[in-house]
C-alpha atoms as a PDB file:
ATOM      1  CA  UNK A   1      -0.311   0.501   0.407  1.00  0.00           C
ATOM      2  CA  UNK A   2       1.402   3.776  -0.982  1.00  0.00           C
ATOM      3  CA  UNK A   3       0.595   7.060  -0.211  1.00  0.00           C
ATOM      4  CA  UNK A   4      -2.116   7.172  -2.843  1.00  0.00           C
ATOM      5  CA  UNK A   5      -4.215   4.137  -1.948  1.00  0.00           C
ATOM      6  CA  UNK A   6      -3.987   5.497   2.031  1.00  0.00           C
ATOM      7  CA  UNK A   7      -5.159   8.737   0.569  1.00  0.00           C
ATOM      8  CA  UNK A   8      -8.150   6.997  -1.175  1.00  0.00           C
ATOM      9  CA  UNK A   9      -9.297   5.087   2.072  1.00  0.00           C
ATOM     10  CA  UNK A  10      -9.453   8.701   3.383  1.00  0.00           C
ATOM     11  CA  UNK A  11     -11.408   9.962   0.234  1.00  0.00           C
ATOM     12  CA  UNK A  12     -13.596   7.170   0.352  1.00  0.00           C
ATOM     13  CA  UNK A  13     -14.191   7.571   3.585  1.00  0.00           C
ATOM     14  CA  UNK A  14     -14.711  11.735   3.450  1.00  0.00           C
ATOM     15  CA  UNK A  15     -11.932  12.055   6.048  1.00  0.00           C
ATOM     16  CA  UNK A  16      -9.448  14.357   3.453  1.00  0.00           C
ATOM     17  CA  UNK A  17     -10.597  17.162   4.353  1.00  0.00           C
ATOM     18  CA  UNK A  18      -9.989  20.958   3.580  1.00  0.00           C
ATOM     19  CA  UNK A  19     -10.716  23.984   5.565  1.00  0.00           C
ATOM     20  CA  UNK A  20      -8.791  25.976   8.726  1.00  0.00           C
ATOM     21  CA  UNK A  21      -8.506  22.928  11.488  1.00  0.00           C
ATOM     22  CA  UNK A  22      -6.347  23.363  14.849  1.00  0.00           C
ATOM     23  CA  UNK A  23      -4.189  20.081  14.734  1.00  0.00           C
ATOM     24  CA  UNK A  24      -3.794  18.274  17.944  1.00  0.00           C
ATOM     25  CA  UNK A  25      -0.062  20.005  18.172  1.00  0.00           C
ATOM     26  CA  UNK A  26      -1.865  23.392  18.484  1.00  0.00           C
ATOM     27  CA  UNK A  27      -0.802  24.133  14.927  1.00  0.00           C
ATOM     28  CA  UNK A  28      -2.964  25.359  12.000  1.00  0.00           C
ATOM     29  CA  UNK A  29      -3.289  23.322   8.868  1.00  0.00           C
ATOM     30  CA  UNK A  30      -5.436  23.909   5.761  1.00  0.00           C
ATOM     31  CA  UNK A  31      -5.960  19.793   5.120  1.00  0.00           C
ATOM     32  CA  UNK A  32      -7.164  17.917   8.055  1.00  0.00           C
ATOM     33  CA  UNK A  33      -7.088  13.675   8.511  1.00  0.00           C
ATOM     34  CA  UNK A  34     -10.341  12.610  10.109  1.00  0.00           C
ATOM     35  CA  UNK A  35      -9.112   9.533  10.847  1.00  0.00           C
ATOM     36  CA  UNK A  36     -12.315   8.251  12.526  1.00  0.00           C
ATOM     37  CA  UNK A  37     -14.246   8.692   9.606  1.00  0.00           C
ATOM     38  CA  UNK A  38     -12.160   5.877   8.772  1.00  0.00           C
ATOM     39  CA  UNK A  39     -12.146   3.828  11.406  1.00  0.00           C
ATOM     40  CA  UNK A  40     -15.549   3.639  11.468  1.00  0.00           C
ATOM     41  CA  UNK A  41     -15.360   1.194   8.954  1.00  0.00           C
ATOM     42  CA  UNK A  42     -14.042  -2.022   9.390  1.00  0.00           C
ATOM     43  CA  UNK A  43     -12.782  -3.367   6.185  1.00  0.00           C
ATOM     44  CA  UNK A  44     -10.777   0.394   5.378  1.00  0.00           C
ATOM     45  CA  UNK A  45      -9.965  -0.121   8.878  1.00  0.00           C
ATOM     46  CA  UNK A  46      -8.652  -3.688   8.326  1.00  0.00           C
ATOM     47  CA  UNK A  47      -6.481  -3.153   4.971  1.00  0.00           C
ATOM     48  CA  UNK A  48      -4.329   0.324   6.243  1.00  0.00           C
ATOM     49  CA  UNK A  49      -3.493  -1.968   9.593  1.00  0.00           C
ATOM     50  CA  UNK A  50      -2.467  -5.520   7.618  1.00  0.00           C
ATOM     51  CA  UNK A  51      -0.092  -3.303   5.357  1.00  0.00           C
ATOM     52  CA  UNK A  52       1.352  -1.578   8.461  1.00  0.00           C
ATOM     53  CA  UNK A  53       1.756  -5.074   9.782  1.00  0.00           C
ATOM     54  CA  UNK A  54       3.106  -5.815   7.129  1.00  0.00           C
ATOM     55  CA  UNK A  55       5.319  -3.325   6.438  1.00  0.00           C
ATOM     56  CA  UNK A  56       6.337  -3.461  10.304  1.00  0.00           C
ATOM     57  CA  UNK A  57       7.169  -7.053  10.775  1.00  0.00           C
ATOM     58  CA  UNK A  58       9.535  -6.142   7.663  1.00  0.00           C
ATOM     59  CA  UNK A  59      10.651  -3.906   8.791  1.00  0.00           C
ATOM     60  CA  UNK A  60      12.152  -5.173  12.205  1.00  0.00           C
ATOM     61  CA  UNK A  61      10.828  -8.706  12.468  1.00  0.00           C
ATOM     62  CA  UNK A  62       8.782 -10.210  15.040  1.00  0.00           C
ATOM     63  CA  UNK A  63       7.571  -8.682  17.859  1.00  0.00           C
ATOM     64  CA  UNK A  64       5.369  -8.936  21.567  1.00  0.00           C
ATOM     65  CA  UNK A  65       3.747  -6.239  21.393  1.00  0.00           C
ATOM     66  CA  UNK A  66       1.644  -2.978  20.554  1.00  0.00           C
ATOM     67  CA  UNK A  67       1.173  -0.261  22.130  1.00  0.00           C
ATOM     68  CA  UNK A  68      -0.615   3.190  21.033  1.00  0.00           C
ATOM     69  CA  UNK A  69      -1.206   6.689  22.715  1.00  0.00           C
ATOM     70  CA  UNK A  70      -5.093   7.137  23.201  1.00  0.00           C
ATOM     71  CA  UNK A  71      -7.099   8.244  22.095  1.00  0.00           C
ATOM     72  CA  UNK A  72      -6.494   7.901  18.626  1.00  0.00           C
ATOM     73  CA  UNK A  73      -4.023   5.465  18.380  1.00  0.00           C
ATOM     74  CA  UNK A  74      -6.303   2.735  20.522  1.00  0.00           C
ATOM     75  CA  UNK A  75      -8.181   1.159  17.129  1.00  0.00           C
ATOM     76  CA  UNK A  76      -4.933   1.274  14.512  1.00  0.00           C
ATOM     77  CA  UNK A  77      -2.799  -0.553  17.396  1.00  0.00           C
ATOM     78  CA  UNK A  78      -5.927  -2.687  18.116  1.00  0.00           C
ATOM     79  CA  UNK A  79      -5.808  -3.914  14.296  1.00  0.00           C
ATOM     80  CA  UNK A  80      -2.510  -3.905  14.300  1.00  0.00           C
ATOM     81  CA  UNK A  81      -1.442  -5.909  16.755  1.00  0.00           C
ATOM     82  CA  UNK A  82      -4.492  -8.146  15.344  1.00  0.00           C
ATOM     83  CA  UNK A  83      -2.463  -8.940  12.012  1.00  0.00           C
ATOM     84  CA  UNK A  84       0.909  -8.980  13.878  1.00  0.00           C
ATOM     85  CA  UNK A  85      -1.150 -11.692  16.167  1.00  0.00           C
ATOM     86  CA  UNK A  86       0.057  -9.639  19.379  1.00  0.00           C
ATOM     87  CA  UNK A  87      -1.289  -8.383  22.376  1.00  0.00           C
ATOM     88  CA  UNK A  88      -2.151  -4.477  21.993  1.00  0.00           C
ATOM     89  CA  UNK A  89      -2.541  -2.112  25.047  1.00  0.00           C
ATOM     90  CA  UNK A  90      -2.247   1.781  25.200  1.00  0.00           C
ATOM     91  CA  UNK A  91      -0.930   4.870  27.381  1.00  0.00           C
ATOM     92  CA  UNK A  92      -3.481   7.439  28.393  1.00  0.00           C
ATOM     93  CA  UNK A  93      -3.347  10.459  29.635  1.00  0.00           C
ATOM     94  CA  UNK A  94      -2.990  10.948  33.295  1.00  0.00           C
ATOM     95  CA  UNK A  95      -2.033  14.030  35.613  1.00  0.00           C
ATOM     96  CA  UNK A  96      -1.008  15.351  32.196  1.00  0.00           C
ATOM     97  CA  UNK A  97       1.449  12.621  30.892  1.00  0.00           C
ATOM     98  CA  UNK A  98       0.522  10.005  29.293  1.00  0.00           C
ATOM     99  CA  UNK A  99       0.863   6.425  31.506  1.00  0.00           C
ATOM    100  CA  UNK A 100      -0.227   2.538  31.384  1.00  0.00           C
ATOM    101  CA  UNK A 101      -3.280   2.449  33.264  1.00  0.00           C
ATOM    102  CA  UNK A 102      -6.127  -0.107  33.424  1.00  0.00           C
ATOM    103  CA  UNK A 103      -3.922  -2.849  35.018  1.00  0.00           C
ATOM    104  CA  UNK A 104      -2.196  -3.034  31.856  1.00  0.00           C
ATOM    105  CA  UNK A 105       1.138  -4.553  32.270  1.00  0.00           C
ATOM    106  CA  UNK A 106       4.660  -4.783  29.448  1.00  0.00           C
ATOM    107  CA  UNK A 107       6.165  -8.146  30.170  1.00  0.00           C
ATOM    108  CA  UNK A 108       9.576  -8.091  30.335  1.00  0.00           C
ATOM    109  CA  UNK A 109      11.906  -8.093  27.637  1.00  0.00           C
ATOM    110  CA  UNK A 110       8.892  -7.659  25.138  1.00  0.00           C
ATOM    111  CA  UNK A 111       9.866  -6.431  21.507  1.00  0.00           C
ATOM    112  CA  UNK A 112       6.902  -3.456  21.530  1.00  0.00           C
ATOM    113  CA  UNK A 113       5.853  -1.455  18.411  1.00  0.00           C
ATOM    114  CA  UNK A 114       4.437   1.868  19.148  1.00  0.00           C
ATOM    115  CA  UNK A 115       1.941   2.284  16.442  1.00  0.00           C
ATOM    116  CA  UNK A 116      -0.221   5.802  16.241  1.00  0.00           C
ATOM    117  CA  UNK A 117      -2.443   6.776  13.967  1.00  0.00           C
ATOM    118  CA  UNK A 118      -0.914  10.182  12.265  1.00  0.00           C
ATOM    119  CA  UNK A 119       2.254  11.995  13.101  1.00  0.00           C
ATOM    120  CA  UNK A 120       2.035  15.503  12.296  1.00  0.00           C
ATOM    121  CA  UNK A 121       4.705  16.493  15.312  1.00  0.00           C
ATOM    122  CA  UNK A 122       5.320  13.243  16.617  1.00  0.00           C
ATOM    123  CA  UNK A 123       4.805  14.749  20.255  1.00  0.00           C
ATOM    124  CA  UNK A 124       2.262  11.988  21.377  1.00  0.00           C
ATOM    125  CA  UNK A 125       4.487   9.840  19.554  1.00  0.00           C
ATOM    126  CA  UNK A 126       7.399  11.041  21.896  1.00  0.00           C
ATOM    127  CA  UNK A 127       5.337  10.866  24.725  1.00  0.00           C
ATOM    128  CA  UNK A 128       4.259   7.380  24.521  1.00  0.00           C
ATOM    129  CA  UNK A 129       7.716   5.814  23.845  1.00  0.00           C
ATOM    130  CA  UNK A 130       8.398   7.202  26.776  1.00  0.00           C
ATOM    131  CA  UNK A 131       5.709   6.039  28.539  1.00  0.00           C
ATOM    132  CA  UNK A 132       6.076   2.618  27.156  1.00  0.00           C
ATOM    133  CA  UNK A 133      10.159   3.389  28.564  1.00  0.00           C
ATOM    134  CA  UNK A 134       8.937   4.090  32.027  1.00  0.00           C
ATOM    135  CA  UNK A 135       7.270   1.034  32.345  1.00  0.00           C
ATOM    136  CA  UNK A 136      10.424  -0.855  31.342  1.00  0.00           C
ATOM    137  CA  UNK A 137       9.357  -1.715  27.773  1.00  0.00           C
ATOM    138  CA  UNK A 138      11.604  -1.597  24.761  1.00  0.00           C
ATOM    139  CA  UNK A 139      10.398  -0.233  21.349  1.00  0.00           C
ATOM    140  CA  UNK A 140      11.798  -1.236  18.808  1.00  0.00           C
ATOM    141  CA  UNK A 141       9.526   0.734  15.969  1.00  0.00           C
ATOM    142  CA  UNK A 142       6.887   2.881  16.056  1.00  0.00           C
ATOM    143  CA  UNK A 143       4.814   3.065  13.552  1.00  0.00           C
ATOM    144  CA  UNK A 144       1.717   5.165  11.519  1.00  0.00           C
ATOM    145  CA  UNK A 145      -0.554   5.152   9.339  1.00  0.00           C
ATOM    146  CA  UNK A 146       0.159   8.721   7.938  1.00  0.00           C
ATOM    147  CA  UNK A 147       3.339  10.488   8.662  1.00  0.00           C
ATOM    148  CA  UNK A 148       2.186  14.888   8.117  1.00  0.00           C
ATOM    149  CA  UNK A 149       6.743  15.295   8.517  1.00  0.00           C
ATOM    150  CA  UNK A 150       7.503  14.554   5.031  1.00  0.00           C
ATOM    151  CA  UNK A 151      10.025  11.914   6.695  1.00  0.00           C
ATOM    152  CA  UNK A 152      11.028  14.804   8.866  1.00  0.00           C
ATOM    153  CA  UNK A 153      10.079  12.295  12.510  1.00  0.00           C
ATOM    154  CA  UNK A 154      12.785  10.900  13.882  1.00  0.00           C
ATOM    155  CA  UNK A 155      12.054   8.798  16.596  1.00  0.00           C
ATOM    156  CA  UNK A 156      15.463   7.190  16.954  1.00  0.00           C
ATOM    157  CA  UNK A 157      14.466   4.060  16.410  1.00  0.00           C
ATOM    158  CA  UNK A 158      12.907   2.528  12.677  1.00  0.00           C
ATOM    159  CA  UNK A 159       9.792   4.377  12.202  1.00  0.00           C
ATOM    160  CA  UNK A 160       7.246   3.051   9.436  1.00  0.00           C
ATOM    161  CA  UNK A 161       4.026   5.113   7.999  1.00  0.00           C
ATOM    162  CA  UNK A 162       2.385   3.823   5.359  1.00  0.00           C
ATOM    163  CA  UNK A 163       1.882   6.864   3.509  1.00  0.00           C
ATOM    164  CA  UNK A 164       3.704  10.317   4.036  1.00  0.00           C
ATOM    165  CA  UNK A 165       3.057  13.854   3.454  1.00  0.00           C
ATOM    166  CA  UNK A 166       4.362  17.596   3.900  1.00  0.00           C
ATOM    167  CA  UNK A 167       1.092  19.065   4.556  1.00  0.00           C
ATOM    168  CA  UNK A 168       2.487  22.577   6.035  1.00  0.00           C
ATOM    169  CA  UNK A 169       1.197  23.930   9.975  1.00  0.00           C
ATOM    170  CA  UNK A 170       1.643  26.992  10.944  1.00  0.00           C
ATOM    171  CA  UNK A 171       1.611  28.418  14.587  1.00  0.00           C
ATOM    172  CA  UNK A 172      -1.366  30.748  15.324  1.00  0.00           C
ATOM    173  CA  UNK A 173       0.411  33.823  14.814  1.00  0.00           C
ATOM    174  CA  UNK A 174       1.813  33.060  11.438  1.00  0.00           C
ATOM    175  CA  UNK A 175      -1.197  32.035   9.385  1.00  0.00           C
ATOM    176  CA  UNK A 176      -0.598  32.397   5.792  1.00  0.00           C
ATOM    177  CA  UNK A 177      -3.485  34.702   4.636  1.00  0.00           C
ATOM    178  CA  UNK A 178      -5.615  32.551   2.889  1.00  0.00           C
ATOM    179  CA  UNK A 179      -5.996  30.191   5.612  1.00  0.00           C
ATOM    180  CA  UNK A 180      -6.154  33.086   8.215  1.00  0.00           C
ATOM    181  CA  UNK A 181      -9.565  34.360   6.427  1.00  0.00           C
ATOM    182  CA  UNK A 182     -11.303  30.892   7.280  1.00  0.00           C
ATOM    183  CA  UNK A 183     -13.118  29.943  11.027  1.00  0.00           C
ATOM    184  CA  UNK A 184     -10.715  27.580  12.329  1.00  0.00           C
ATOM    185  CA  UNK A 185     -12.106  24.217  13.644  1.00  0.00           C
ATOM    186  CA  UNK A 186     -10.677  22.099  16.256  1.00  0.00           C
ATOM    187  CA  UNK A 187     -11.397  18.292  15.779  1.00  0.00           C
ATOM    188  CA  UNK A 188      -8.717  16.940  17.699  1.00  0.00           C
ATOM    189  CA  UNK A 189      -9.443  15.442  21.077  1.00  0.00           C
ATOM    190  CA  UNK A 190      -5.201  16.374  23.099  1.00  0.00           C
ATOM    191  CA  UNK A 191      -7.210  19.060  24.484  1.00  0.00           C
ATOM    192  CA  UNK A 192     -10.633  17.370  25.281  1.00  0.00           C
ATOM    193  CA  UNK A 193      -9.669  17.134  29.048  1.00  0.00           C
ATOM    194  CA  UNK A 194      -7.164  20.485  29.572  1.00  0.00           C
END
């Protein structure tokens, strides 16, 4: 599966949106990938995550566990883990930082894939990897369905994605005039519990 195949899944679900959006990072963009419109369809989600699992396996071999950041990473993390034949757990925000909760545990020596939905700045991925390490885990690969950084994201380990896009994103005080003229939508989840 290549970038165009991934974008076709998003287009088919009405999930490739144009306008003025505030990303989870707080940056603004004229393009938003509303992944939950894709993830509501099991067949689309399966195609994407099966391809991501194959790419992960080709990159690092067999794994023991997938860990994802809540909320956006739970569905792709689970479905990717299903195709890897391993358990899936997630970290969630507590007291301002991502942590394992719900009695989830990381087995000693487990080879872990950190699986995200979309990487825009890499902040959620970095926080997730840090939470896994604090819990004693070893992340051997980071993965995402879409890399919005144009290949600039470097988690310090192998990173795989199905699609690589270079979509501009801007701080609120540096918006181009055409973006500033459009009212902003805030469809992400990071600020829901702030």
